[in-house]
C-alpha atoms as a PDB file:
ATOM      1  CA  MET A   1     178.925 114.933  50.188  1.00  0.00           C
ATOM      2  CA  ILE A   2     177.452 116.477  47.041  1.00  0.00           C
ATOM      3  CA  GLU A   3     179.627 119.503  46.293  1.00  0.00           C
ATOM      4  CA  ILE A   4     177.915 122.781  45.435  1.00  0.00           C
ATOM      5  CA  THR A   5     179.758 125.009  42.935  1.00  0.00           C
ATOM      6  CA  LYS A   6     179.094 128.739  43.320  1.00  0.00           C
ATOM      7  CA  ASN A   7     179.569 131.061  40.345  1.00  0.00           C
ATOM      8  CA  GLU A   8     177.655 134.248  39.563  1.00  0.00           C
ATOM      9  CA  LYS A   9     174.774 135.019  41.914  1.00  0.00           C
ATOM     10  CA  GLU A  10     171.504 133.523  40.714  1.00  0.00           C
ATOM     11  CA  LYS A  11     168.621 135.979  40.479  1.00  0.00           C
ATOM     12  CA  ALA A  12     165.651 134.639  42.430  1.00  0.00           C
ATOM     13  CA  ILE A  13     161.978 135.107  43.215  1.00  0.00           C
ATOM     14  CA  LEU A  14     160.758 134.102  46.675  1.00  0.00           C
ATOM     15  CA  VAL A  15     157.297 132.546  46.907  1.00  0.00           C
ATOM     16  CA  SER A  16     155.167 132.022  50.017  1.00  0.00           C
ATOM     17  CA  LEU A  17     151.722 130.469  50.428  1.00  0.00           C
ATOM     18  CA  ASN A  18     149.740 131.867  53.360  1.00  0.00           C
ATOM     19  CA  LYS A  19     147.533 128.837  53.909  1.00  0.00           C
ATOM     20  CA  ASP A  20     147.147 129.336  57.679  1.00  0.00           C
ATOM     21  CA  HIS A  21     145.652 132.860  57.541  1.00  0.00           C
ATOM     22  CA  LEU A  22     148.720 134.421  59.169  1.00  0.00           C
ATOM     23  CA  SER A  23     149.040 138.200  59.463  1.00  0.00           C
ATOM     24  CA  ASN A  24     150.895 140.156  56.795  1.00  0.00           C
ATOM     25  CA  GLU A  25     153.567 141.017  59.371  1.00  0.00           C
ATOM     26  CA  ILE A  26     154.325 137.357  60.117  1.00  0.00           C
ATOM     27  CA  ILE A  27     154.329 136.340  56.441  1.00  0.00           C
ATOM     28  CA  THR A  28     156.672 139.244  55.684  1.00  0.00           C
ATOM     29  CA  GLU A  29     158.969 138.125  58.503  1.00  0.00           C
ATOM     30  CA  HIS A  30     158.978 134.553  57.137  1.00  0.00           C
ATOM     31  CA  LEU A  31     159.944 135.880  53.696  1.00  0.00           C
ATOM     32  CA  THR A  32     162.668 138.019  55.260  1.00  0.00           C
ATOM     33  CA  GLU A  33     164.128 134.898  56.854  1.00  0.00           C
ATOM     34  CA  LEU A  34     163.844 133.051  53.533  1.00  0.00           C
ATOM     35  CA  GLU A  35     165.693 135.946  51.890  1.00  0.00           C
ATOM     36  CA  GLU A  36     168.487 135.596  54.472  1.00  0.00           C
ATOM     37  CA  LEU A  37     168.694 131.898  53.629  1.00  0.00           C
ATOM     38  CA  ALA A  38     168.785 132.719  49.903  1.00  0.00           C
ATOM     39  CA  LEU A  39     171.557 135.283  50.432  1.00  0.00           C
ATOM     40  CA  THR A  40     173.508 132.779  52.522  1.00  0.00           C
ATOM     41  CA  ALA A  41     173.181 130.287  49.654  1.00  0.00           C
ATOM     42  CA  GLY A  42     174.510 132.888  47.211  1.00  0.00           C
ATOM     43  CA  ALA A  43     171.325 134.116  45.502  1.00  0.00           C
ATOM     44  CA  GLU A  44     170.126 137.653  44.856  1.00  0.00           C
ATOM     45  CA  VAL A  45     166.426 138.213  45.514  1.00  0.00           C
ATOM     46  CA  LEU A  46     164.590 140.398  42.972  1.00  0.00           C
ATOM     47  CA  HIS A  47     160.945 139.777  43.903  1.00  0.00           C
ATOM     48  CA  LYS A  48     158.840 138.378  46.758  1.00  0.00           C
ATOM     49  CA  ILE A  49     155.424 136.914  45.949  1.00  0.00           C
ATOM     50  CA  ILE A  50     152.711 135.916  48.433  1.00  0.00           C
ATOM     51  CA  GLN A  51     149.652 133.799  47.658  1.00  0.00           C
ATOM     52  CA  ASN A  52     147.156 134.629  50.403  1.00  0.00           C
ATOM     53  CA  ASN A  53     144.588 132.526  52.203  1.00  0.00           C
ATOM     54  CA  ARG A  54     144.129 129.418  50.109  1.00  0.00           C
ATOM     55  CA  PRO A  55     144.936 125.730  50.621  1.00  0.00           C
ATOM     56  CA  ALA A  56     147.905 124.202  48.846  1.00  0.00           C
ATOM     57  CA  ASP A  57     147.143 123.146  45.286  1.00  0.00           C
ATOM     58  CA  LYS A  58     148.139 119.529  44.646  1.00  0.00           C
ATOM     59  CA  ALA A  59     149.396 120.257  41.145  1.00  0.00           C
ATOM     60  CA  THR A  60     151.233 123.588  41.513  1.00  0.00           C
ATOM     61  CA  TYR A  61     151.043 124.408  45.255  1.00  0.00           C
ATOM     62  CA  ILE A  62     150.051 128.051  44.641  1.00  0.00           C
ATOM     63  CA  GLY A  63     147.278 127.608  42.047  1.00  0.00           C
ATOM     64  CA  LYS A  64     147.063 128.249  38.296  1.00  0.00           C
ATOM     65  CA  GLY A  65     146.389 131.977  38.537  1.00  0.00           C
ATOM     66  CA  LYS A  66     149.458 132.745  40.635  1.00  0.00           C
ATOM     67  CA  VAL A  67     151.613 130.439  38.490  1.00  0.00           C
ATOM     68  CA  GLU A  68     150.559 132.351  35.374  1.00  0.00           C
ATOM     69  CA  GLU A  69     151.359 135.649  37.119  1.00  0.00           C
ATOM     70  CA  ILE A  70     154.876 134.409  37.873  1.00  0.00           C
ATOM     71  CA  ARG A  71     155.305 132.979  34.362  1.00  0.00           C
ATOM     72  CA  LEU A  72     154.577 136.384  32.825  1.00  0.00           C
ATOM     73  CA  LEU A  73     156.954 138.060  35.289  1.00  0.00           C
ATOM     74  CA  VAL A  74     159.927 135.814  34.461  1.00  0.00           C
ATOM     75  CA  GLU A  75     159.100 135.843  30.744  1.00  0.00           C
ATOM     76  CA  ASN A  76     159.908 139.561  30.766  1.00  0.00           C
ATOM     77  CA  ASN A  77     163.082 139.143  32.817  1.00  0.00           C
ATOM     78  CA  GLU A  78     165.602 136.620  31.551  1.00  0.00           C
ATOM     79  CA  LYS A  79     167.897 137.369  34.500  1.00  0.00           C
ATOM     80  CA  ILE A  80     165.558 135.496  36.835  1.00  0.00           C
ATOM     81  CA  THR A  81     166.674 131.865  36.868  1.00  0.00           C
ATOM     82  CA  LEU A  82     165.390 130.585  40.187  1.00  0.00           C
ATOM     83  CA  LEU A  83     162.187 130.382  42.251  1.00  0.00           C
ATOM     84  CA  ILE A  84     162.519 129.577  45.953  1.00  0.00           C
ATOM     85  CA  PHE A  85     159.466 128.396  47.893  1.00  0.00           C
ATOM     86  CA  ASP A  86     159.108 128.831  51.664  1.00  0.00           C
ATOM     87  CA  ASP A  87     157.691 125.315  52.041  1.00  0.00           C
ATOM     88  CA  ASP A  88     158.518 121.832  50.856  1.00  0.00           C
ATOM     89  CA  LEU A  89     157.067 120.832  47.485  1.00  0.00           C
ATOM     90  CA  THR A  90     156.212 117.400  46.149  1.00  0.00           C
ATOM     91  CA  PRO A  91     158.164 116.105  43.134  1.00  0.00           C
ATOM     92  CA  ILE A  92     154.985 116.490  41.035  1.00  0.00           C
ATOM     93  CA  GLN A  93     154.550 120.124  42.067  1.00  0.00           C
ATOM     94  CA  VAL A  94     158.181 120.916  41.205  1.00  0.00           C
ATOM     95  CA  ARG A  95     157.859 119.185  37.816  1.00  0.00           C
ATOM     96  CA  ASN A  96     154.644 121.035  36.954  1.00  0.00           C
ATOM     97  CA  LEU A  97     156.019 124.404  38.027  1.00  0.00           C
ATOM     98  CA  GLU A  98     159.232 123.971  36.055  1.00  0.00           C
ATOM     99  CA  GLU A  99     157.335 122.886  32.938  1.00  0.00           C
ATOM    100  CA  ILE A 100     155.082 125.979  33.081  1.00  0.00           C
ATOM    101  CA  ILE A 101     157.491 128.658  34.301  1.00  0.00           C
ATOM    102  CA  LYS A 102     160.653 127.307  32.597  1.00  0.00           C
ATOM    103  CA  ARG A 103     162.829 128.159  35.591  1.00  0.00           C
ATOM    104  CA  LYS A 104     164.580 126.138  38.302  1.00  0.00           C
ATOM    105  CA  ILE A 105     162.404 125.484  41.367  1.00  0.00           C
ATOM    106  CA  VAL A 106     163.933 125.026  44.835  1.00  0.00           C
ATOM    107  CA  ASP A 107     161.900 124.366  47.970  1.00  0.00           C
ATOM    108  CA  ARG A 108     162.850 125.292  51.547  1.00  0.00           C
ATOM    109  CA  SER A 109     164.475 121.956  52.410  1.00  0.00           C
ATOM    110  CA  GLY A 110     166.496 121.977  49.189  1.00  0.00           C
ATOM    111  CA  LEU A 111     167.739 125.491  49.999  1.00  0.00           C
ATOM    112  CA  ILE A 112     168.768 124.616  53.568  1.00  0.00           C
ATOM    113  CA  LEU A 113     170.513 121.452  52.392  1.00  0.00           C
ATOM    114  CA  ASP A 114     172.427 123.535  49.841  1.00  0.00           C
ATOM    115  CA  ILE A 115     173.618 125.870  52.617  1.00  0.00           C
ATOM    116  CA  PHE A 116     174.608 122.956  54.850  1.00  0.00           C
ATOM    117  CA  ALA A 117     176.572 121.386  51.982  1.00  0.00           C
ATOM    118  CA  THR A 118     178.510 124.632  51.562  1.00  0.00           C
ATOM    119  CA  ARG A 119     179.106 125.098  55.295  1.00  0.00           C
ATOM    120  CA  ALA A 120     180.112 121.523  56.197  1.00  0.00           C
ATOM    121  CA  LYS A 121     183.848 121.331  56.916  1.00  0.00           C
ATOM    122  CA  THR A 122     184.566 118.207  58.981  1.00  0.00           C
ATOM    123  CA  LYS A 123     184.171 114.620  57.786  1.00  0.00           C
ATOM    124  CA  GLU A 124     181.341 114.103  60.248  1.00  0.00           C
ATOM    125  CA  ALA A 125     179.371 117.129  59.088  1.00  0.00           C
ATOM    126  CA  LYS A 126     179.940 116.232  55.425  1.00  0.00           C
ATOM    127  CA  THR A 127     178.725 112.667  56.047  1.00  0.00           C
ATOM    128  CA  GLN A 128     175.606 113.918  57.824  1.00  0.00           C
ATOM    129  CA  VAL A 129     174.780 116.445  55.103  1.00  0.00           C
ATOM    130  CA  GLU A 130     175.325 113.939  52.285  1.00  0.00           C
ATOM    131  CA  LEU A 131     172.970 111.470  53.964  1.00  0.00           C
ATOM    132  CA  ALA A 132     170.260 114.136  54.254  1.00  0.00           C
ATOM    133  CA  GLN A 133     170.834 115.239  50.640  1.00  0.00           C
ATOM    134  CA  LEU A 134     170.505 111.704  49.263  1.00  0.00           C
ATOM    135  CA  GLN A 135     167.353 111.006  51.299  1.00  0.00           C
ATOM    136  CA  TYR A 136     165.913 114.248  49.933  1.00  0.00           C
ATOM    137  CA  MET A 137     166.989 113.437  46.367  1.00  0.00           C
ATOM    138  CA  LEU A 138     165.737 109.833  46.181  1.00  0.00           C
ATOM    139  CA  PRO A 139     162.002 110.522  45.558  1.00  0.00           C
ATOM    140  CA  ARG A 140     162.910 113.336  43.138  1.00  0.00           C
ATOM    141  CA  LEU A 141     164.913 111.296  40.622  1.00  0.00           C
ATOM    142  CA  THR A 142     161.970 110.752  38.292  1.00  0.00           C
ATOM    143  CA  ARG A 143     161.601 114.519  37.841  1.00  0.00           C
ATOM    144  CA  ALA A 144     165.246 114.931  36.861  1.00  0.00           C
ATOM    145  CA  TRP A 145     165.172 112.163  34.277  1.00  0.00           C
ATOM    146  CA  THR A 146     161.822 113.289  32.852  1.00  0.00           C
ATOM    147  CA  HIS A 147     163.323 116.712  32.172  1.00  0.00           C
ATOM    148  CA  LEU A 148     166.403 115.175  30.574  1.00  0.00           C
ATOM    149  CA  SER A 149     164.217 113.196  28.197  1.00  0.00           C
ATOM    150  CA  LYS A 150     162.131 116.251  27.218  1.00  0.00           C
ATOM    151  CA  GLN A 151     165.121 118.517  26.788  1.00  0.00           C
ATOM    152  CA  TYR A 152     167.137 116.308  24.481  1.00  0.00           C
ATOM    153  CA  GLY A 153     164.401 114.561  22.522  1.00  0.00           C
ATOM    154  CA  GLY A 154     162.974 111.053  22.441  1.00  0.00           C
ATOM    155  CA  ILE A 155     165.418 108.766  20.638  1.00  0.00           C
ATOM    156  CA  GLY A 156     167.802 107.136  23.056  1.00  0.00           C
ATOM    157  CA  THR A 157     166.179 108.695  26.118  1.00  0.00           C
ATOM    158  CA  LYS A 158     162.778 107.051  26.577  1.00  0.00           C
ATOM    159  CA  GLY A 159     163.237 103.417  27.591  1.00  0.00           C
ATOM    160  CA  PRO A 160     166.794 103.696  28.962  1.00  0.00           C
ATOM    161  CA  GLY A 161     165.698 106.658  31.065  1.00  0.00           C
ATOM    162  CA  GLU A 162     163.576 104.492  33.320  1.00  0.00           C
ATOM    163  CA  THR A 163     166.354 101.922  33.538  1.00  0.00           C
ATOM    164  CA  GLN A 164     168.781 104.667  34.516  1.00  0.00           C
ATOM    165  CA  ILE A 165     166.406 105.899  37.209  1.00  0.00           C
ATOM    166  CA  GLU A 166     166.288 102.452  38.797  1.00  0.00           C
ATOM    167  CA  THR A 167     170.075 102.193  38.571  1.00  0.00           C
ATOM    168  CA  ASP A 168     170.492 105.561  40.241  1.00  0.00           C
ATOM    169  CA  ARG A 169     167.998 104.615  42.959  1.00  0.00           C
ATOM    170  CA  ARG A 170     169.968 101.469  43.763  1.00  0.00           C
ATOM    171  CA  ILE A 171     173.236 103.441  43.874  1.00  0.00           C
ATOM    172  CA  ILE A 172     171.706 106.044  46.186  1.00  0.00           C
ATOM    173  CA  ARG A 173     170.129 103.440  48.483  1.00  0.00           C
ATOM    174  CA  THR A 174     173.480 101.649  48.746  1.00  0.00           C
ATOM    175  CA  ARG A 175     175.232 104.926  49.509  1.00  0.00           C
ATOM    176  CA  ILE A 176     172.597 105.811  52.138  1.00  0.00           C
ATOM    177  CA  SER A 177     173.202 102.471  53.862  1.00  0.00           C
ATOM    178  CA  LEU A 178     176.971 103.072  53.907  1.00  0.00           C
ATOM    179  CA  LEU A 179     176.561 106.584  55.308  1.00  0.00           C
ATOM    180  CA  LYS A 180     174.212 105.331  58.029  1.00  0.00           C
ATOM    181  CA  GLU A 181     176.797 102.719  59.012  1.00  0.00           C
ATOM    182  CA  LYS A 182     179.458 105.441  59.160  1.00  0.00           C
ATOM    183  CA  LEU A 183     177.292 107.573  61.414  1.00  0.00           C
ATOM    184  CA  ILE A 184     176.531 104.621  63.700  1.00  0.00           C
ATOM    185  CA  LYS A 185     180.297 104.166  64.169  1.00  0.00           C
ATOM    186  CA  ILE A 186     180.678 107.896  64.855  1.00  0.00           C
ATOM    187  CA  GLU A 187     177.853 107.721  67.388  1.00  0.00           C
ATOM    188  CA  LYS A 188     179.520 104.764  69.149  1.00  0.00           C
ATOM    189  CA  GLN A 189     182.813 106.668  69.264  1.00  0.00           C
ATOM    190  CA  ARG A 190     181.051 109.652  70.784  1.00  0.00           C
ATOM    191  CA  SER A 191     179.369 107.405  73.337  1.00  0.00           C
ATOM    192  CA  THR A 192     182.733 105.915  74.314  1.00  0.00           C
ATOM    193  CA  GLN A 193     184.275 109.377  74.618  1.00  0.00           C
ATOM    194  CA  SER A 194     181.367 110.627  76.743  1.00  0.00           C
ATOM    195  CA  GLN A 195     181.947 107.842  79.280  1.00  0.00           C
ATOM    196  CA  GLY A 196     185.185 109.561  80.236  1.00  0.00           C
ATOM    197  CA  ARG A 197     183.282 112.777  80.888  1.00  0.00           C
ATOM    198  CA  ASN A 198     181.145 111.555  83.753  1.00  0.00           C
ATOM    199  CA  ASN A 199     183.085 113.713  86.230  1.00  0.00           C
ATOM    200  CA  PHE A 200     182.239 116.853  84.276  1.00  0.00           C
ATOM    201  CA  LEU A 201     179.114 118.986  84.318  1.00  0.00           C
ATOM    202  CA  ARG A 202     177.997 119.020  80.674  1.00  0.00           C
ATOM    203  CA  ILE A 203     176.366 122.174  79.334  1.00  0.00           C
ATOM    204  CA  ALA A 204     175.102 122.634  75.753  1.00  0.00           C
ATOM    205  CA  LEU A 205     174.460 125.949  74.036  1.00  0.00           C
ATOM    206  CA  VAL A 206     171.417 125.808  71.755  1.00  0.00           C
ATOM    207  CA  GLY A 207     169.344 128.422  69.992  1.00  0.00           C
ATOM    208  CA  TYR A 208     167.846 129.721  66.795  1.00  0.00           C
ATOM    209  CA  THR A 209     170.420 130.175  64.078  1.00  0.00           C
ATOM    210  CA  ASN A 210     172.381 133.440  64.322  1.00  0.00           C
ATOM    211  CA  ALA A 211     171.309 134.014  67.953  1.00  0.00           C
ATOM    212  CA  GLY A 212     174.919 134.533  69.052  1.00  0.00           C
ATOM    213  CA  LYS A 213     175.761 131.092  70.491  1.00  0.00           C
ATOM    214  CA  SER A 214     179.265 130.873  69.028  1.00  0.00           C
ATOM    215  CA  THR A 215     180.161 134.412  70.130  1.00  0.00           C
ATOM    216  CA  LEU A 216     179.050 133.591  73.685  1.00  0.00           C
ATOM    217  CA  PHE A 217     180.934 130.285  73.522  1.00  0.00           C
ATOM    218  CA  ASN A 218     184.128 132.061  72.491  1.00  0.00           C
ATOM    219  CA  LEU A 219     183.720 134.564  75.315  1.00  0.00           C
ATOM    220  CA  LEU A 220     183.184 131.885  77.978  1.00  0.00           C
ATOM    221  CA  THR A 221     185.946 129.550  76.815  1.00  0.00           C
ATOM    222  CA  ASP A 222     188.460 132.017  75.344  1.00  0.00           C
ATOM    223  CA  SER A 223     188.181 130.149  72.032  1.00  0.00           C
ATOM    224  CA  ASN A 224     188.048 131.220  68.407  1.00  0.00           C
ATOM    225  CA  VAL A 225     185.186 129.122  67.037  1.00  0.00           C
ATOM    226  CA  PHE A 226     183.976 130.560  63.716  1.00  0.00           C
ATOM    227  CA  ALA A 227     181.280 133.145  64.441  1.00  0.00           C
ATOM    228  CA  GLU A 228     179.669 135.169  61.666  1.00  0.00           C
ATOM    229  CA  ASN A 229     176.507 137.223  61.261  1.00  0.00           C
ATOM    230  CA  LYS A 230     175.052 134.654  58.854  1.00  0.00           C
ATOM    231  CA  LEU A 231     172.660 131.744  59.169  1.00  0.00           C
ATOM    232  CA  PHE A 232     174.250 128.384  60.064  1.00  0.00           C
ATOM    233  CA  ALA A 233     177.780 129.693  60.622  1.00  0.00           C
ATOM    234  CA  THR A 234     178.278 126.672  62.936  1.00  0.00           C
ATOM    235  CA  LEU A 235     177.525 123.098  61.811  1.00  0.00           C
ATOM    236  CA  ASP A 236     179.898 121.067  63.957  1.00  0.00           C
ATOM    237  CA  SER A 237     179.650 120.748  67.716  1.00  0.00           C
ATOM    238  CA  THR A 238     182.671 122.158  69.522  1.00  0.00           C
ATOM    239  CA  THR A 239     183.369 121.263  73.160  1.00  0.00           C
ATOM    240  CA  ARG A 240     185.734 123.040  75.523  1.00  0.00           C
ATOM    241  CA  HIS A 241     186.708 122.457  79.141  1.00  0.00           C
ATOM    242  CA  LEU A 242     186.492 125.202  81.742  1.00  0.00           C
ATOM    243  CA  THR A 243     186.509 125.393  85.535  1.00  0.00           C
ATOM    244  CA  ILE A 244     184.265 127.686  87.558  1.00  0.00           C
ATOM    245  CA  LYS A 245     184.569 127.661  91.363  1.00  0.00           C
ATOM    246  CA  ASN A 246     186.274 124.255  91.254  1.00  0.00           C
ATOM    247  CA  GLU A 247     183.445 122.845  89.125  1.00  0.00           C
ATOM    248  CA  LYS A 248     184.757 121.068  86.012  1.00  0.00           C
ATOM    249  CA  ILE A 249     182.532 121.926  83.062  1.00  0.00           C
ATOM    250  CA  LEU A 250     182.325 120.799  79.440  1.00  0.00           C
ATOM    251  CA  LEU A 251     180.627 123.471  77.330  1.00  0.00           C
ATOM    252  CA  SER A 252     179.424 122.565  73.819  1.00  0.00           C
ATOM    253  CA  ASP A 253     178.469 124.879  70.956  1.00  0.00           C
ATOM    254  CA  THR A 254     175.959 123.262  68.569  1.00  0.00           C
ATOM    255  CA  VAL A 255     174.274 123.785  65.206  1.00  0.00           C
ATOM    256  CA  GLY A 256     171.515 126.410  65.190  1.00  0.00           C
ATOM    257  CA  PHE A 257     167.851 125.535  64.755  1.00  0.00           C
ATOM    258  CA  ILE A 258     165.412 127.191  62.367  1.00  0.00           C
ATOM    259  CA  ARG A 259     161.741 127.160  61.405  1.00  0.00           C
ATOM    260  CA  LYS A 260     160.825 124.148  59.230  1.00  0.00           C
ATOM    261  CA  LEU A 261     164.216 122.482  59.628  1.00  0.00           C
ATOM    262  CA  PRO A 262     164.180 119.422  57.309  1.00  0.00           C
ATOM    263  CA  THR A 263     163.344 116.216  59.201  1.00  0.00           C
ATOM    264  CA  ASN A 264     166.051 114.279  57.358  1.00  0.00           C
ATOM    265  CA  LEU A 265     168.596 116.856  58.470  1.00  0.00           C
ATOM    266  CA  ILE A 266     167.695 116.503  62.147  1.00  0.00           C
ATOM    267  CA  ALA A 267     167.904 112.719  61.846  1.00  0.00           C
ATOM    268  CA  SER A 268     171.237 112.886  59.987  1.00  0.00           C
ATOM    269  CA  PHE A 269     172.739 115.188  62.622  1.00  0.00           C
ATOM    270  CA  LYS A 270     171.833 112.781  65.407  1.00  0.00           C
ATOM    271  CA  SER A 271     175.481 112.220  66.397  1.00  0.00           C
ATOM    272  CA  THR A 272     176.241 115.956  66.446  1.00  0.00           C
ATOM    273  CA  LEU A 273     173.097 116.702  68.438  1.00  0.00           C
ATOM    274  CA  SER A 274     174.040 114.021  70.989  1.00  0.00           C
ATOM    275  CA  GLU A 275     175.946 116.821  72.756  1.00  0.00           C
ATOM    276  CA  VAL A 276     172.527 118.353  73.429  1.00  0.00           C
ATOM    277  CA  LYS A 277     170.838 115.077  74.367  1.00  0.00           C
ATOM    278  CA  ASP A 278     173.627 114.135  76.802  1.00  0.00           C
ATOM    279  CA  ALA A 279     173.821 117.560  78.451  1.00  0.00           C
ATOM    280  CA  ASP A 280     173.081 118.037  82.150  1.00  0.00           C
ATOM    281  CA  ILE A 281     172.077 121.645  81.500  1.00  0.00           C
ATOM    282  CA  ILE A 282     170.953 123.438  78.326  1.00  0.00           C
ATOM    283  CA  PHE A 283     171.621 127.131  77.807  1.00  0.00           C
ATOM    284  CA  HIS A 284     169.045 128.384  75.299  1.00  0.00           C
ATOM    285  CA  VAL A 285     170.536 131.504  73.666  1.00  0.00           C
ATOM    286  CA  ILE A 286     167.958 133.951  72.266  1.00  0.00           C
ATOM    287  CA  ASP A 287     168.435 136.977  70.022  1.00  0.00           C
ATOM    288  CA  PHE A 288     166.470 139.396  72.207  1.00  0.00           C
ATOM    289  CA  SER A 289     166.704 142.140  69.572  1.00  0.00           C
ATOM    290  CA  HIS A 290     164.743 140.120  67.016  1.00  0.00           C
ATOM    291  CA  PRO A 291     161.100 141.262  66.688  1.00  0.00           C
ATOM    292  CA  TYR A 292     159.878 137.652  66.644  1.00  0.00           C
ATOM    293  CA  TYR A 293     162.163 136.242  69.324  1.00  0.00           C
ATOM    294  CA  GLU A 294     159.226 134.483  71.016  1.00  0.00           C
ATOM    295  CA  ASP A 295     158.474 132.562  67.815  1.00  0.00           C
ATOM    296  CA  HIS A 296     162.141 131.538  67.746  1.00  0.00           C
ATOM    297  CA  ILE A 297     161.849 130.322  71.341  1.00  0.00           C
ATOM    298  CA  LYS A 298     158.921 128.081  70.350  1.00  0.00           C
ATOM    299  CA  VAL A 299     160.856 126.624  67.382  1.00  0.00           C
ATOM    300  CA  VAL A 300     163.842 125.758  69.594  1.00  0.00           C
ATOM    301  CA  GLU A 301     161.641 124.320  72.357  1.00  0.00           C
ATOM    302  CA  ASN A 302     159.770 122.129  69.852  1.00  0.00           C
ATOM    303  CA  THR A 303     163.075 120.903  68.387  1.00  0.00           C
ATOM    304  CA  LEU A 304     164.381 120.080  71.880  1.00  0.00           C
ATOM    305  CA  LYS A 305     161.148 118.204  72.560  1.00  0.00           C
ATOM    306  CA  ASN A 306     161.640 116.176  69.368  1.00  0.00           C
ATOM    307  CA  LEU A 307     165.143 115.346  70.579  1.00  0.00           C
ATOM    308  CA  GLY A 308     163.730 114.141  73.924  1.00  0.00           C
ATOM    309  CA  CYS A 309     165.337 116.985  75.907  1.00  0.00           C
ATOM    310  CA  GLU A 310     162.247 118.691  77.298  1.00  0.00           C
ATOM    311  CA  LYS A 311     163.012 117.449  80.854  1.00  0.00           C
ATOM    312  CA  THR A 312     166.651 118.598  80.857  1.00  0.00           C
ATOM    313  CA  ILE A 313     167.363 121.623  83.082  1.00  0.00           C
ATOM    314  CA  GLN A 314     167.210 124.700  80.870  1.00  0.00           C
ATOM    315  CA  TYR A 315     168.205 128.341  81.254  1.00  0.00           C
ATOM    316  CA  LYS A 316     167.216 131.000  78.752  1.00  0.00           C
ATOM    317  CA  ILE A 317     169.896 133.557  77.891  1.00  0.00           C
ATOM    318  CA  PHE A 318     168.407 136.658  76.268  1.00  0.00           C
ATOM    319  CA  ASN A 319     171.269 138.001  74.168  1.00  0.00           C
ATOM    320  CA  LYS A 320     171.904 141.341  72.375  1.00  0.00           C
ATOM    321  CA  ILE A 321     170.104 143.490  74.960  1.00  0.00           C
ATOM    322  CA  ASP A 322     172.233 146.426  73.809  1.00  0.00           C
ATOM    323  CA  ALA A 323     170.140 146.480  70.613  1.00  0.00           C
ATOM    324  CA  VAL A 324     166.819 146.624  72.529  1.00  0.00           C
ATOM    325  CA  THR A 325     165.409 150.124  73.047  1.00  0.00           C
ATOM    326  CA  ASP A 326     162.022 149.180  74.549  1.00  0.00           C
ATOM    327  CA  HIS A 327     162.598 148.688  78.295  1.00  0.00           C
ATOM    328  CA  ASN A 328     159.091 147.255  78.658  1.00  0.00           C
ATOM    329  CA  LYS A 329     160.356 144.179  76.783  1.00  0.00           C
ATOM    330  CA  ILE A 330     162.976 143.636  79.479  1.00  0.00           C
ATOM    331  CA  ASP A 331     160.351 143.816  82.237  1.00  0.00           C
ATOM    332  CA  TYR A 332     158.107 141.470  80.241  1.00  0.00           C
ATOM    333  CA  VAL A 333     160.847 138.840  79.907  1.00  0.00           C
ATOM    334  CA  ARG A 334     161.759 139.011  83.587  1.00  0.00           C
ATOM    335  CA  ASN A 335     158.116 138.544  84.582  1.00  0.00           C
ATOM    336  CA  THR A 336     157.338 135.841  81.994  1.00  0.00           C
ATOM    337  CA  TYR A 337     160.313 133.483  81.908  1.00  0.00           C
ATOM    338  CA  ASN A 338     161.825 131.594  84.814  1.00  0.00           C
ATOM    339  CA  ASN A 339     165.527 130.703  84.926  1.00  0.00           C
ATOM    340  CA  CYS A 340     166.558 133.433  82.513  1.00  0.00           C
ATOM    341  CA  PHE A 341     169.500 135.800  82.126  1.00  0.00           C
ATOM    342  CA  ILE A 342     169.688 138.993  80.070  1.00  0.00           C
ATOM    343  CA  ILE A 343     173.056 139.867  78.511  1.00  0.00           C
ATOM    344  CA  SER A 344     174.532 142.051  75.794  1.00  0.00           C
END
């Protein structure tokens, strides 16, 4: 896995493009979530910038006018070293933005991958994160080497630069192949292990990140799985055995989902998410206190559909009711959702 070294907090600007004509409330909520991701990654957010109601610009994503506005802002504040975008950018867009603004540019996938790299603890999680990182990095190598050439001058960096890029690409492709082979072996091991679990009822806890899955898991299984009020506190699946009314149950806690979760990351975590795919029942844990909990439900349901789990028996568990003051919300949930429980 590519290790991430954390020193002093980087000062950041968050940037969002409202290309789908969303309301100000929703865009603000999206930026709030992006800020939580940035804080989890170790950044300090100084400004939030929204470009409203325009299509994505192929060259700079947000358009020349907004880029110039940001350039002037950072020019007067040397503390700002980082711009974080709430969408994925193309390598060309990142290159153009960095050349104009003279600051590091990170898109949403790059930010989430950074967090996963920091959070990964087991060999399996580290392997999965490294695979996703390398797949993300591969098309972006040209940008890195172009900047190296411009920063240090032309002699000794022009021709060899391209050769080095090709060398790096071959190294990364070879490493990707090795990591995929590793994960195939892990998946086979999991499949073998699951064959011995046929006599158990298998239940998987899923949900939006920070919905309270691990806390509920610890309560049900009397365990001490790491639970923290931060995004992606859990990366590795944890399974525990319990018996309820003579029914033998295997309960699994899994990685949280989030809006715009990188596709490479979902694919890389295939072996970890097998606990969800193989489950007989899915408990979908929801942070009922969150103002946009219904949007979170849709994100999780879409992710489960992508995993091929839409036909698995599902129960919705509306968590953190103690933080809900509007009793009409409770009546609404009871009347709207089947197979649901409300807990605190």
